[in-house]
């Protein structure tokens, strides 16, 4: 990832779409799946907040290894780390934890 020429290596529109999916659709899918298996109350809220946390480096390693959009994943990891704290705090406040 450090070899990328820019922080946003895949372009602004793809990065915005990626962050939208990561920080909006991810917690929504987690909420639906958690609700479906019976999580309620604080456990449901914790699961949603955990879904908003940044992803690790392992998805980028696999993307680089198999050459499947490593530029998008590097942008997702780097940029996601930068904006994850404010977004996670917003989810934390909205869910009343």
PDB file of N, CA and C in Angstrom:
ATOM      1  N   UNK A   1       0.823  -1.184   0.000  1.00  0.00           N
ATOM      2  CA  UNK A   1       0.000   0.000   0.000  1.00  0.00           C
ATOM      3  C   UNK A   1       0.870   1.251   0.000  1.00  0.00           C
ATOM      4  N   UNK A   2       2.041   1.165   0.586  1.00  0.00           N
ATOM      5  CA  UNK A   2       2.910   2.334   0.643  1.00  0.00           C
ATOM      6  C   UNK A   2       3.465   2.687  -0.727  1.00  0.00           C
ATOM      7  N   UNK A   3       3.407   1.771  -1.677  1.00  0.00           N
ATOM      8  CA  UNK A   3       3.914   2.036  -3.015  1.00  0.00           C
ATOM      9  C   UNK A   3       2.919   2.790  -3.887  1.00  0.00           C
ATOM     10  N   UNK A   4       1.680   2.986  -3.399  1.00  0.00           N
ATOM     11  CA  UNK A   4       0.685   3.711  -4.178  1.00  0.00           C
ATOM     12  C   UNK A   4       1.128   5.172  -4.322  1.00  0.00           C
ATOM     13  N   UNK A   5       0.934   5.768  -5.489  1.00  0.00           N
ATOM     14  CA  UNK A   5       1.384   7.153  -5.681  1.00  0.00           C
ATOM     15  C   UNK A   5       0.533   8.179  -4.921  1.00  0.00           C
ATOM     16  N   UNK A   6      -0.717   7.837  -4.608  1.00  0.00           N
ATOM     17  CA  UNK A   6      -1.612   8.754  -3.903  1.00  0.00           C
ATOM     18  C   UNK A   6      -2.361   7.992  -2.822  1.00  0.00           C
ATOM     19  N   UNK A   7      -2.927   8.739  -1.863  1.00  0.00           N
ATOM     20  CA  UNK A   7      -3.736   8.083  -0.833  1.00  0.00           C
ATOM     21  C   UNK A   7      -4.986   7.486  -1.458  1.00  0.00           C
ATOM     22  N   UNK A   8      -5.626   8.246  -2.351  1.00  0.00           N
ATOM     23  CA  UNK A   8      -6.806   7.746  -3.062  1.00  0.00           C
ATOM     24  C   UNK A   8      -6.329   7.281  -4.436  1.00  0.00           C
ATOM     25  N   UNK A   9      -5.955   6.019  -4.525  1.00  0.00           N
ATOM     26  CA  UNK A   9      -5.318   5.489  -5.729  1.00  0.00           C
ATOM     27  C   UNK A   9      -6.308   5.118  -6.824  1.00  0.00           C
ATOM     28  N   UNK A  10      -7.588   4.979  -6.486  1.00  0.00           N
ATOM     29  CA  UNK A  10      -8.535   4.471  -7.477  1.00  0.00           C
ATOM     30  C   UNK A  10      -9.458   5.550  -8.042  1.00  0.00           C
ATOM     31  N   UNK A  11      -9.315   6.784  -7.620  1.00  0.00           N
ATOM     32  CA  UNK A  11     -10.195   7.855  -8.088  1.00  0.00           C
ATOM     33  C   UNK A  11     -11.216   8.238  -7.036  1.00  0.00           C
ATOM     34  N   UNK A  12     -11.655   9.481  -7.105  1.00  0.00           N
ATOM     35  CA  UNK A  12     -12.556  10.007  -6.074  1.00  0.00           C
ATOM     36  C   UNK A  12     -13.933   9.364  -6.083  1.00  0.00           C
ATOM     37  N   UNK A  13     -14.507   9.113  -7.255  1.00  0.00           N
ATOM     38  CA  UNK A  13     -15.868   8.556  -7.297  1.00  0.00           C
ATOM     39  C   UNK A  13     -15.899   7.118  -6.799  1.00  0.00           C
ATOM     40  N   UNK A  14     -14.909   6.328  -7.181  1.00  0.00           N
ATOM     41  CA  UNK A  14     -14.859   4.939  -6.698  1.00  0.00           C
ATOM     42  C   UNK A  14     -14.587   4.920  -5.201  1.00  0.00           C
ATOM     43  N   UNK A  15     -13.725   5.822  -4.726  1.00  0.00           N
ATOM     44  CA  UNK A  15     -13.435   5.889  -3.288  1.00  0.00           C
ATOM     45  C   UNK A  15     -14.680   6.277  -2.501  1.00  0.00           C
ATOM     46  N   UNK A  16     -15.455   7.233  -3.001  1.00  0.00           N
ATOM     47  CA  UNK A  16     -16.680   7.639  -2.313  1.00  0.00           C
ATOM     48  C   UNK A  16     -17.694   6.494  -2.286  1.00  0.00           C
ATOM     49  N   UNK A  17     -17.824   5.783  -3.392  1.00  0.00           N
ATOM     50  CA  UNK A  17     -18.723   4.634  -3.437  1.00  0.00           C
ATOM     51  C   UNK A  17     -18.268   3.553  -2.461  1.00  0.00           C
ATOM     52  N   UNK A  18     -16.964   3.283  -2.441  1.00  0.00           N
ATOM     53  CA  UNK A  18     -16.415   2.272  -1.548  1.00  0.00           C
ATOM     54  C   UNK A  18     -16.663   2.627  -0.091  1.00  0.00           C
ATOM     55  N   UNK A  19     -16.447   3.883   0.269  1.00  0.00           N
ATOM     56  CA  UNK A  19     -16.665   4.305   1.655  1.00  0.00           C
ATOM     57  C   UNK A  19     -18.150   4.275   2.016  1.00  0.00           C
ATOM     58  N   UNK A  20     -19.012   4.606   1.047  1.00  0.00           N
ATOM     59  CA  UNK A  20     -20.448   4.513   1.292  1.00  0.00           C
ATOM     60  C   UNK A  20     -20.881   3.086   1.571  1.00  0.00           C
ATOM     61  N   UNK A  21     -20.389   2.173   0.763  1.00  0.00           N
ATOM     62  CA  UNK A  21     -20.715   0.766   0.969  1.00  0.00           C
ATOM     63  C   UNK A  21     -20.144   0.294   2.300  1.00  0.00           C
ATOM     64  N   UNK A  22     -18.922   0.676   2.578  1.00  0.00           N
ATOM     65  CA  UNK A  22     -18.237   0.205   3.786  1.00  0.00           C
ATOM     66  C   UNK A  22     -18.907   0.718   5.062  1.00  0.00           C
ATOM     67  N   UNK A  23     -19.248   2.000   5.100  1.00  0.00           N
ATOM     68  CA  UNK A  23     -19.729   2.591   6.342  1.00  0.00           C
ATOM     69  C   UNK A  23     -21.238   2.750   6.429  1.00  0.00           C
ATOM     70  N   UNK A  24     -21.963   2.525   5.346  1.00  0.00           N
ATOM     71  CA  UNK A  24     -23.425   2.583   5.401  1.00  0.00           C
ATOM     72  C   UNK A  24     -24.055   1.205   5.190  1.00  0.00           C
ATOM     73  N   UNK A  25     -23.654   0.540   4.109  1.00  0.00           N
ATOM     74  CA  UNK A  25     -24.241  -0.766   3.819  1.00  0.00           C
ATOM     75  C   UNK A  25     -23.736  -1.840   4.781  1.00  0.00           C
ATOM     76  N   UNK A  26     -22.473  -1.740   5.193  1.00  0.00           N
ATOM     77  CA  UNK A  26     -21.911  -2.729   6.117  1.00  0.00           C
ATOM     78  C   UNK A  26     -22.674  -2.800   7.433  1.00  0.00           C
ATOM     79  N   UNK A  27     -22.841  -1.686   8.135  1.00  0.00           N
ATOM     80  CA  UNK A  27     -23.641  -1.730   9.368  1.00  0.00           C
ATOM     81  C   UNK A  27     -25.112  -2.093   9.130  1.00  0.00           C
ATOM     82  N   UNK A  28     -25.662  -1.720   7.982  1.00  0.00           N
ATOM     83  CA  UNK A  28     -27.056  -2.082   7.688  1.00  0.00           C
ATOM     84  C   UNK A  28     -27.204  -3.589   7.518  1.00  0.00           C
ATOM     85  N   UNK A  29     -26.273  -4.204   6.804  1.00  0.00           N
ATOM     86  CA  UNK A  29     -26.310  -5.668   6.631  1.00  0.00           C
ATOM     87  C   UNK A  29     -26.095  -6.359   7.977  1.00  0.00           C
ATOM     88  N   UNK A  30     -25.168  -5.830   8.772  1.00  0.00           N
ATOM     89  CA  UNK A  30     -24.926  -6.404  10.099  1.00  0.00           C
ATOM     90  C   UNK A  30     -26.165  -6.284  10.971  1.00  0.00           C
ATOM     91  N   UNK A  31     -26.861  -5.153  10.901  1.00  0.00           N
ATOM     92  CA  UNK A  31     -28.078  -4.976  11.689  1.00  0.00           C
ATOM     93  C   UNK A  31     -29.147  -5.978  11.273  1.00  0.00           C
ATOM     94  N   UNK A  32     -29.318  -6.159   9.973  1.00  0.00           N
ATOM     95  CA  UNK A  32     -30.332  -7.106   9.483  1.00  0.00           C
ATOM     96  C   UNK A  32     -29.980  -8.542   9.875  1.00  0.00           C
ATOM     97  N   UNK A  33     -28.720  -8.918   9.702  1.00  0.00           N
ATOM     98  CA  UNK A  33     -28.313 -10.282  10.038  1.00  0.00           C
ATOM     99  C   UNK A  33     -28.392 -10.524  11.545  1.00  0.00           C
ATOM    100  N   UNK A  34     -27.972  -9.556  12.336  1.00  0.00           N
ATOM    101  CA  UNK A  34     -28.026  -9.705  13.790  1.00  0.00           C
ATOM    102  C   UNK A  34     -29.466  -9.786  14.280  1.00  0.00           C
ATOM    103  N   UNK A  35     -30.318  -8.959  13.706  1.00  0.00           N
ATOM    104  CA  UNK A  35     -31.730  -8.984  14.074  1.00  0.00           C
ATOM    105  C   UNK A  35     -32.361 -10.316  13.687  1.00  0.00           C
ATOM    106  N   UNK A  36     -31.942 -10.854  12.534  1.00  0.00           N
ATOM    107  CA  UNK A  36     -32.499 -12.127  12.058  1.00  0.00           C
ATOM    108  C   UNK A  36     -32.131 -13.293  12.965  1.00  0.00           C
ATOM    109  N   UNK A  37     -30.941 -13.257  13.558  1.00  0.00           N
ATOM    110  CA  UNK A  37     -30.535 -14.355  14.436  1.00  0.00           C
ATOM    111  C   UNK A  37     -30.931 -14.127  15.888  1.00  0.00           C
ATOM    112  N   UNK A  38     -31.579 -13.006  16.163  1.00  0.00           N
ATOM    113  CA  UNK A  38     -32.144 -12.808  17.482  1.00  0.00           C
ATOM    114  C   UNK A  38     -31.396 -11.872  18.409  1.00  0.00           C
ATOM    115  N   UNK A  39     -30.414 -11.148  17.920  1.00  0.00           N
ATOM    116  CA  UNK A  39     -29.737 -10.173  18.787  1.00  0.00           C
ATOM    117  C   UNK A  39     -30.656  -8.978  19.005  1.00  0.00           C
ATOM    118  N   UNK A  40     -30.735  -8.542  20.231  1.00  0.00           N
ATOM    119  CA  UNK A  40     -31.558  -7.396  20.573  1.00  0.00           C
ATOM    120  C   UNK A  40     -30.789  -6.519  21.561  1.00  0.00           C
ATOM    121  N   UNK A  41     -31.221  -5.314  21.724  1.00  0.00           N
ATOM    122  CA  UNK A  41     -30.689  -4.421  22.741  1.00  0.00           C
ATOM    123  C   UNK A  41     -29.239  -4.032  22.514  1.00  0.00           C
ATOM    124  N   UNK A  42     -28.469  -4.078  23.599  1.00  0.00           N
ATOM    125  CA  UNK A  42     -27.084  -3.620  23.567  1.00  0.00           C
ATOM    126  C   UNK A  42     -26.236  -4.485  22.628  1.00  0.00           C
ATOM    127  N   UNK A  43     -26.471  -5.785  22.597  1.00  0.00           N
ATOM    128  CA  UNK A  43     -25.687  -6.650  21.709  1.00  0.00           C
ATOM    129  C   UNK A  43     -25.885  -6.283  20.237  1.00  0.00           C
ATOM    130  N   UNK A  44     -27.104  -5.943  19.861  1.00  0.00           N
ATOM    131  CA  UNK A  44     -27.374  -5.500  18.493  1.00  0.00           C
ATOM    132  C   UNK A  44     -26.631  -4.203  18.208  1.00  0.00           C
ATOM    133  N   UNK A  45     -26.654  -3.278  19.144  1.00  0.00           N
ATOM    134  CA  UNK A  45     -25.962  -1.994  18.948  1.00  0.00           C
ATOM    135  C   UNK A  45     -24.451  -2.187  18.844  1.00  0.00           C
ATOM    136  N   UNK A  46     -23.898  -3.067  19.667  1.00  0.00           N
ATOM    137  CA  UNK A  46     -22.463  -3.343  19.610  1.00  0.00           C
ATOM    138  C   UNK A  46     -22.091  -3.965  18.269  1.00  0.00           C
ATOM    139  N   UNK A  47     -22.903  -4.865  17.757  1.00  0.00           N
ATOM    140  CA  UNK A  47     -22.634  -5.488  16.457  1.00  0.00           C
ATOM    141  C   UNK A  47     -22.630  -4.449  15.344  1.00  0.00           C
ATOM    142  N   UNK A  48     -23.532  -3.486  15.410  1.00  0.00           N
ATOM    143  CA  UNK A  48     -23.590  -2.431  14.385  1.00  0.00           C
ATOM    144  C   UNK A  48     -22.360  -1.542  14.467  1.00  0.00           C
ATOM    145  N   UNK A  49     -21.940  -1.182  15.675  1.00  0.00           N
ATOM    146  CA  UNK A  49     -20.744  -0.359  15.837  1.00  0.00           C
ATOM    147  C   UNK A  49     -19.512  -1.117  15.350  1.00  0.00           C
ATOM    148  N   UNK A  50     -19.421  -2.405  15.638  1.00  0.00           N
ATOM    149  CA  UNK A  50     -18.281  -3.198  15.171  1.00  0.00           C
ATOM    150  C   UNK A  50     -18.241  -3.277  13.652  1.00  0.00           C
ATOM    151  N   UNK A  51     -19.390  -3.282  13.010  1.00  0.00           N
ATOM    152  CA  UNK A  51     -19.412  -3.315  11.544  1.00  0.00           C
ATOM    153  C   UNK A  51     -18.905  -2.010  10.953  1.00  0.00           C
ATOM    154  N   UNK A  52     -18.936  -0.929  11.725  1.00  0.00           N
ATOM    155  CA  UNK A  52     -18.448   0.366  11.244  1.00  0.00           C
ATOM    156  C   UNK A  52     -16.954   0.558  11.486  1.00  0.00           C
ATOM    157  N   UNK A  53     -16.331  -0.361  12.190  1.00  0.00           N
ATOM    158  CA  UNK A  53     -14.889  -0.252  12.439  1.00  0.00           C
ATOM    159  C   UNK A  53     -14.117  -0.498  11.144  1.00  0.00           C
ATOM    160  N   UNK A  54     -12.896   0.025  11.057  1.00  0.00           N
ATOM    161  CA  UNK A  54     -12.141  -0.130   9.806  1.00  0.00           C
ATOM    162  C   UNK A  54     -11.717  -1.570   9.563  1.00  0.00           C
ATOM    163  N   UNK A  55     -11.556  -1.885   8.289  1.00  0.00           N
ATOM    164  CA  UNK A  55     -11.117  -3.232   7.934  1.00  0.00           C
ATOM    165  C   UNK A  55      -9.625  -3.349   8.147  1.00  0.00           C
ATOM    166  N   UNK A  56      -9.148  -4.567   8.253  1.00  0.00           N
ATOM    167  CA  UNK A  56      -7.726  -4.813   8.454  1.00  0.00           C
ATOM    168  C   UNK A  56      -6.969  -4.841   7.143  1.00  0.00           C
ATOM    169  N   UNK A  57      -5.735  -5.213   7.230  1.00  0.00           N
ATOM    170  CA  UNK A  57      -4.857  -5.238   6.073  1.00  0.00           C
ATOM    171  C   UNK A  57      -4.991  -6.535   5.275  1.00  0.00           C
ATOM    172  N   UNK A  58      -5.540  -7.576   5.869  1.00  0.00           N
ATOM    173  CA  UNK A  58      -5.606  -8.886   5.217  1.00  0.00           C
ATOM    174  C   UNK A  58      -6.370  -8.850   3.891  1.00  0.00           C
ATOM    175  N   UNK A  59      -7.524  -8.148   3.777  1.00  0.00           N
ATOM    176  CA  UNK A  59      -8.179  -8.099   2.467  1.00  0.00           C
ATOM    177  C   UNK A  59      -7.288  -7.503   1.378  1.00  0.00           C
ATOM    178  N   UNK A  60      -6.467  -6.499   1.731  1.00  0.00           N
ATOM    179  CA  UNK A  60      -5.551  -5.932   0.736  1.00  0.00           C
ATOM    180  C   UNK A  60      -4.489  -6.941   0.339  1.00  0.00           C
ATOM    181  N   UNK A  61      -3.983  -7.708   1.281  1.00  0.00           N
ATOM    182  CA  UNK A  61      -2.961  -8.713   0.971  1.00  0.00           C
ATOM    183  C   UNK A  61      -3.520  -9.732  -0.018  1.00  0.00           C
ATOM    184  N   UNK A  62      -4.741 -10.197   0.204  1.00  0.00           N
ATOM    185  CA  UNK A  62      -5.347 -11.145  -0.730  1.00  0.00           C
ATOM    186  C   UNK A  62      -5.615 -10.505  -2.085  1.00  0.00           C
ATOM    187  N   UNK A  63      -6.068  -9.249  -2.094  1.00  0.00           N
ATOM    188  CA  UNK A  63      -6.317  -8.566  -3.364  1.00  0.00           C
ATOM    189  C   UNK A  63      -5.028  -8.396  -4.151  1.00  0.00           C
ATOM    190  N   UNK A  64      -3.947  -8.073  -3.476  1.00  0.00           N
ATOM    191  CA  UNK A  64      -2.652  -7.920  -4.139  1.00  0.00           C
ATOM    192  C   UNK A  64      -2.143  -9.271  -4.636  1.00  0.00           C
ATOM    193  N   UNK A  65      -2.300 -10.292  -3.817  1.00  0.00           N
ATOM    194  CA  UNK A  65      -1.833 -11.637  -4.179  1.00  0.00           C
ATOM    195  C   UNK A  65      -2.532 -12.157  -5.432  1.00  0.00           C
ATOM    196  N   UNK A  66      -3.833 -11.970  -5.509  1.00  0.00           N
ATOM    197  CA  UNK A  66      -4.614 -12.495  -6.627  1.00  0.00           C
ATOM    198  C   UNK A  66      -4.914 -11.436  -7.684  1.00  0.00           C
ATOM    199  N   UNK A  67      -4.374 -10.230  -7.514  1.00  0.00           N
ATOM    200  CA  UNK A  67      -4.514  -9.132  -8.478  1.00  0.00           C
ATOM    201  C   UNK A  67      -5.983  -8.814  -8.776  1.00  0.00           C
ATOM    202  N   UNK A  68      -6.761  -8.655  -7.727  1.00  0.00           N
ATOM    203  CA  UNK A  68      -8.176  -8.328  -7.848  1.00  0.00           C
ATOM    204  C   UNK A  68      -8.407  -6.954  -7.210  1.00  0.00           C
ATOM    205  N   UNK A  69      -8.282  -5.920  -7.997  1.00  0.00           N
ATOM    206  CA  UNK A  69      -8.504  -4.533  -7.597  1.00  0.00           C
ATOM    207  C   UNK A  69      -7.730  -4.127  -6.340  1.00  0.00           C
ATOM    208  N   UNK A  70      -6.417  -4.297  -6.326  1.00  0.00           N
ATOM    209  CA  UNK A  70      -5.669  -3.885  -5.133  1.00  0.00           C
ATOM    210  C   UNK A  70      -5.671  -2.378  -4.905  1.00  0.00           C
ATOM    211  N   UNK A  71      -5.837  -1.586  -5.978  1.00  0.00           N
ATOM    212  CA  UNK A  71      -5.876  -0.134  -5.790  1.00  0.00           C
ATOM    213  C   UNK A  71      -7.120   0.297  -5.018  1.00  0.00           C
ATOM    214  N   UNK A  72      -8.248  -0.339  -5.286  1.00  0.00           N
ATOM    215  CA  UNK A  72      -9.476  -0.019  -4.564  1.00  0.00           C
ATOM    216  C   UNK A  72      -9.355  -0.436  -3.099  1.00  0.00           C
ATOM    217  N   UNK A  73      -8.778  -1.614  -2.865  1.00  0.00           N
ATOM    218  CA  UNK A  73      -8.613  -2.074  -1.495  1.00  0.00           C
ATOM    219  C   UNK A  73      -7.615  -1.227  -0.723  1.00  0.00           C
ATOM    220  N   UNK A  74      -6.546  -0.788  -1.372  1.00  0.00           N
ATOM    221  CA  UNK A  74      -5.584   0.051  -0.655  1.00  0.00           C
ATOM    222  C   UNK A  74      -6.226   1.383  -0.279  1.00  0.00           C
ATOM    223  N   UNK A  75      -7.028   1.926  -1.183  1.00  0.00           N
ATOM    224  CA  UNK A  75      -7.754   3.156  -0.858  1.00  0.00           C
ATOM    225  C   UNK A  75      -8.726   2.913   0.285  1.00  0.00           C
ATOM    226  N   UNK A  76      -9.425   1.791   0.232  1.00  0.00           N
ATOM    227  CA  UNK A  76     -10.381   1.463   1.287  1.00  0.00           C
ATOM    228  C   UNK A  76      -9.725   1.323   2.646  1.00  0.00           C
ATOM    229  N   UNK A  77      -8.560   0.694   2.695  1.00  0.00           N
ATOM    230  CA  UNK A  77      -7.875   0.497   3.970  1.00  0.00           C
ATOM    231  C   UNK A  77      -7.318   1.815   4.494  1.00  0.00           C
ATOM    232  N   UNK A  78      -6.588   2.553   3.654  1.00  0.00           N
ATOM    233  CA  UNK A  78      -5.945   3.793   4.116  1.00  0.00           C
ATOM    234  C   UNK A  78      -6.988   4.861   4.445  1.00  0.00           C
ATOM    235  N   UNK A  79      -7.862   5.145   3.500  1.00  0.00           N
ATOM    236  CA  UNK A  79      -8.859   6.187   3.705  1.00  0.00           C
ATOM    237  C   UNK A  79      -9.865   5.770   4.775  1.00  0.00           C
ATOM    238  N   UNK A  80     -10.187   4.484   4.818  1.00  0.00           N
ATOM    239  CA  UNK A  80     -11.107   3.972   5.830  1.00  0.00           C
ATOM    240  C   UNK A  80     -10.569   4.148   7.232  1.00  0.00           C
ATOM    241  N   UNK A  81      -9.261   3.953   7.400  1.00  0.00           N
ATOM    242  CA  UNK A  81      -8.646   4.165   8.709  1.00  0.00           C
ATOM    243  C   UNK A  81      -8.748   5.632   9.127  1.00  0.00           C
ATOM    244  N   UNK A  82      -8.605   6.533   8.168  1.00  0.00           N
ATOM    245  CA  UNK A  82      -8.630   7.958   8.482  1.00  0.00           C
ATOM    246  C   UNK A  82     -10.016   8.438   8.911  1.00  0.00           C
ATOM    247  N   UNK A  83     -11.062   7.921   8.284  1.00  0.00           N
ATOM    248  CA  UNK A  83     -12.406   8.422   8.585  1.00  0.00           C
ATOM    249  C   UNK A  83     -13.212   7.493   9.484  1.00  0.00           C
ATOM    250  N   UNK A  84     -12.621   6.376   9.903  1.00  0.00           N
ATOM    251  CA  UNK A  84     -13.368   5.409  10.713  1.00  0.00           C
ATOM    252  C   UNK A  84     -13.693   5.940  12.104  1.00  0.00           C
ATOM    253  N   UNK A  85     -12.775   6.659  12.723  1.00  0.00           N
ATOM    254  CA  UNK A  85     -13.023   7.125  14.084  1.00  0.00           C
ATOM    255  C   UNK A  85     -14.226   8.053  14.171  1.00  0.00           C
ATOM    256  N   UNK A  86     -14.322   9.104  13.334  1.00  0.00           N
ATOM    257  CA  UNK A  86     -15.518   9.948  13.438  1.00  0.00           C
ATOM    258  C   UNK A  86     -16.815   9.208  13.112  1.00  0.00           C
ATOM    259  N   UNK A  87     -16.773   8.338  12.123  1.00  0.00           N
ATOM    260  CA  UNK A  87     -17.986   7.610  11.746  1.00  0.00           C
ATOM    261  C   UNK A  87     -18.393   6.633  12.843  1.00  0.00           C
ATOM    262  N   UNK A  88     -17.424   5.942  13.429  1.00  0.00           N
ATOM    263  CA  UNK A  88     -17.732   5.019  14.518  1.00  0.00           C
ATOM    264  C   UNK A  88     -18.293   5.773  15.729  1.00  0.00           C
ATOM    265  N   UNK A  89     -17.747   6.943  16.002  1.00  0.00           N
ATOM    266  CA  UNK A  89     -18.287   7.747  17.113  1.00  0.00           C
ATOM    267  C   UNK A  89     -19.721   8.186  16.849  1.00  0.00           C
ATOM    268  N   UNK A  90     -20.030   8.518  15.602  1.00  0.00           N
ATOM    269  CA  UNK A  90     -21.409   8.892  15.261  1.00  0.00           C
ATOM    270  C   UNK A  90     -22.354   7.722  15.489  1.00  0.00           C
ATOM    271  N   UNK A  91     -21.970   6.519  15.034  1.00  0.00           N
ATOM    272  CA  UNK A  91     -22.792   5.343  15.277  1.00  0.00           C
ATOM    273  C   UNK A  91     -22.938   5.103  16.784  1.00  0.00           C
ATOM    274  N   UNK A  92     -21.853   5.260  17.513  1.00  0.00           N
ATOM    275  CA  UNK A  92     -21.866   5.050  18.966  1.00  0.00           C
ATOM    276  C   UNK A  92     -22.839   6.000  19.643  1.00  0.00           C
ATOM    277  N   UNK A  93     -22.819   7.265  19.239  1.00  0.00           N
ATOM    278  CA  UNK A  93     -23.719   8.264  19.824  1.00  0.00           C
ATOM    279  C   UNK A  93     -25.173   8.013  19.410  1.00  0.00           C
ATOM    280  N   UNK A  94     -25.390   7.730  18.127  1.00  0.00           N
ATOM    281  CA  UNK A  94     -26.760   7.504  17.650  1.00  0.00           C
ATOM    282  C   UNK A  94     -27.417   6.281  18.300  1.00  0.00           C
ATOM    283  N   UNK A  95     -26.608   5.251  18.572  1.00  0.00           N
ATOM    284  CA  UNK A  95     -27.159   4.044  19.161  1.00  0.00           C
ATOM    285  C   UNK A  95     -27.231   4.112  20.695  1.00  0.00           C
ATOM    286  N   UNK A  96     -26.715   5.193  21.254  1.00  0.00           N
ATOM    287  CA  UNK A  96     -26.832   5.396  22.691  1.00  0.00           C
ATOM    288  C   UNK A  96     -26.000   4.465  23.532  1.00  0.00           C
ATOM    289  N   UNK A  97     -24.842   4.102  23.064  1.00  0.00           N
ATOM    290  CA  UNK A  97     -23.981   3.197  23.846  1.00  0.00           C
ATOM    291  C   UNK A  97     -23.140   3.956  24.773  1.00  0.00           C
TER     292      UNK A  97
END
